[in-house]
Amino acid sequence: MELIGLLIVPFIIILAFAVFMIITQWKIYTKAGKPGWTSIVPIYNYIVMLEIVGKPWWTFFMLFIPIYGIVVAIQVVHGLSKSFGKDAGFTCGLIFLPIIFYPILAFSDAKYVGPNVNQATTA
């Protein structure tokens, strides 16, 4: 009986974190003008994320190339950061402390400015 109690507490904590991150992703997609439900559909959520950051949908297949897939994933996270007007420091936060930085992106006053904001301002 005690073993079940020891297993239930971590399960509830992990479930709470999972629900919180789903709500966070839902809010980020909604801020970007996409339907929130797309954030919970596997594979499709990443294709919609690629739309948010301004990359073509076929970039999804690049994730399966060893080593290069990691580079593509980092580029997508950086694109998400830039799409909300943030810089490379915020990208590092999204990569290394996602439990803190994704909620900041979702619940702060950060506005979706589009995928190519830096290119538009320099031209």
Protein backbone atom coordinates (compact mmCIF):
# COMPACT_ATOMS: atom_id res chain seq x y z
CA MET A 1 0.00 0.00 0.00
CA GLU A 2 2.84 2.38 0.80
CA LEU A 3 4.42 1.70 -2.57
CA ILE A 4 1.27 2.89 -4.34
CA GLY A 5 1.40 6.10 -2.34
CA LEU A 6 5.01 6.63 -3.37
CA LEU A 7 4.10 6.19 -7.02
CA ILE A 8 0.97 8.35 -7.00
CA VAL A 9 2.65 11.55 -5.81
CA PRO A 10 5.24 11.70 -8.62
CA PHE A 11 2.54 10.74 -11.13
CA ILE A 12 0.34 13.65 -10.01
CA ILE A 13 3.28 16.07 -10.18
CA ILE A 14 4.27 14.90 -13.67
CA LEU A 15 0.64 15.07 -14.81
CA ALA A 16 0.34 18.63 -13.46
CA PHE A 17 3.49 19.70 -15.34
CA ALA A 18 2.22 18.04 -18.53
CA VAL A 19 -1.15 19.80 -18.30
CA PHE A 20 0.58 23.12 -17.57
CA MET A 21 2.85 22.76 -20.62
CA ILE A 22 -0.13 21.83 -22.83
CA ILE A 23 -1.91 25.01 -21.69
CA THR A 24 1.28 26.97 -22.35
CA GLN A 25 1.69 25.61 -25.88
CA TRP A 26 -2.02 26.20 -26.57
CA LYS A 27 -1.63 29.85 -25.56
CA ILE A 28 1.50 30.30 -27.74
CA TYR A 29 -0.29 28.89 -30.79
CA THR A 30 -3.31 31.10 -30.10
CA LYS A 31 -1.10 34.20 -29.82
CA ALA A 32 0.40 33.32 -33.20
CA GLY A 33 -3.06 33.21 -34.79
CA LYS A 34 -3.27 29.43 -35.07
CA PRO A 35 -5.96 27.23 -33.51
CA GLY A 36 -4.91 26.16 -30.02
CA TRP A 37 -5.98 22.55 -30.50
CA THR A 38 -3.24 22.09 -33.09
CA SER A 39 -0.69 22.19 -30.27
CA ILE A 40 -1.87 18.83 -28.93
CA VAL A 41 -1.97 16.87 -32.21
CA PRO A 42 1.29 14.94 -32.69
CA ILE A 43 3.31 15.71 -35.84
CA TYR A 44 0.75 18.27 -37.02
CA ASN A 45 1.69 20.53 -34.11
CA TYR A 46 5.27 20.71 -35.37
CA ILE A 47 4.14 21.45 -38.92
CA VAL A 48 2.03 24.33 -37.56
CA MET A 49 5.04 25.47 -35.52
CA LEU A 50 7.04 25.58 -38.74
CA GLU A 51 4.33 27.85 -40.20
CA ILE A 52 4.55 30.10 -37.14
CA VAL A 53 8.31 30.51 -37.52
CA GLY A 54 8.15 30.89 -41.31
CA LYS A 55 9.83 27.67 -42.39
CA PRO A 56 8.43 25.36 -45.10
CA TRP A 57 6.50 22.28 -43.96
CA TRP A 58 9.03 19.85 -45.43
CA THR A 59 11.58 21.06 -42.87
CA PHE A 60 9.87 18.52 -40.60
CA PHE A 61 11.65 15.72 -42.46
CA MET A 62 15.03 17.32 -41.79
CA LEU A 63 14.56 16.47 -38.10
CA PHE A 64 15.22 12.82 -38.91
CA ILE A 65 18.72 13.44 -40.26
CA PRO A 66 21.24 12.63 -37.50
CA ILE A 67 23.02 15.66 -35.99
CA TYR A 68 21.44 18.03 -38.53
CA GLY A 69 18.05 17.40 -36.92
CA ILE A 70 19.33 18.99 -33.72
CA VAL A 71 20.46 22.05 -35.68
CA VAL A 72 17.04 22.32 -37.33
CA ALA A 73 15.27 22.02 -33.98
CA ILE A 74 17.42 24.82 -32.54
CA GLN A 75 16.69 26.96 -35.62
CA VAL A 76 12.96 26.42 -35.09
CA VAL A 77 13.19 27.42 -31.43
CA HIS A 78 15.20 30.50 -32.42
CA GLY A 79 12.60 31.29 -35.08
CA LEU A 80 9.89 31.05 -32.41
CA SER A 81 11.84 33.42 -30.22
CA LYS A 82 12.29 35.92 -33.08
CA SER A 83 8.63 35.58 -34.07
CA PHE A 84 7.69 36.99 -30.70
CA GLY A 85 10.29 39.77 -30.84
CA LYS A 86 12.80 38.09 -28.53
CA ASP A 87 16.55 37.68 -29.01
CA ALA A 88 19.12 34.87 -28.88
CA GLY A 89 19.30 35.01 -25.08
CA PHE A 90 15.62 34.14 -24.90
CA THR A 91 16.26 31.29 -27.34
CA CYS A 92 18.86 29.88 -24.94
CA GLY A 93 16.27 30.10 -22.18
CA LEU A 94 13.71 28.24 -24.30
CA ILE A 95 16.24 25.49 -24.95
CA PHE A 96 17.79 25.08 -21.48
CA LEU A 97 14.92 26.16 -19.17
CA PRO A 98 11.73 25.45 -21.12
CA ILE A 99 9.58 25.05 -17.98
CA ILE A 100 10.27 28.73 -17.23
CA PHE A 101 10.66 30.41 -20.62
CA TYR A 102 7.73 28.88 -22.53
CA PRO A 103 5.25 30.12 -19.88
CA ILE A 104 6.93 33.55 -20.04
CA LEU A 105 6.35 33.55 -23.79
CA ALA A 106 2.76 32.37 -23.40
CA PHE A 107 1.53 34.47 -20.49
CA SER A 108 3.56 37.67 -20.81
CA ASP A 109 2.62 40.60 -22.98
CA ALA A 110 4.85 39.29 -25.82
CA LYS A 111 3.11 39.79 -29.14
CA TYR A 112 3.45 37.67 -32.24
CA VAL A 113 5.19 39.90 -34.77
CA GLY A 114 5.63 37.38 -37.57
CA PRO A 115 8.33 35.01 -38.69
CA ASN A 116 10.67 37.43 -40.49
CA VAL A 117 10.60 40.46 -38.22
CA ASN A 118 14.38 41.01 -38.32
CA GLN A 119 14.53 40.83 -42.11
CA ALA A 120 11.60 43.24 -42.44
CA THR A 121 13.15 45.86 -40.15
CA THR A 122 16.59 45.80 -41.81
CA ALA A 123 15.29 46.19 -45.36
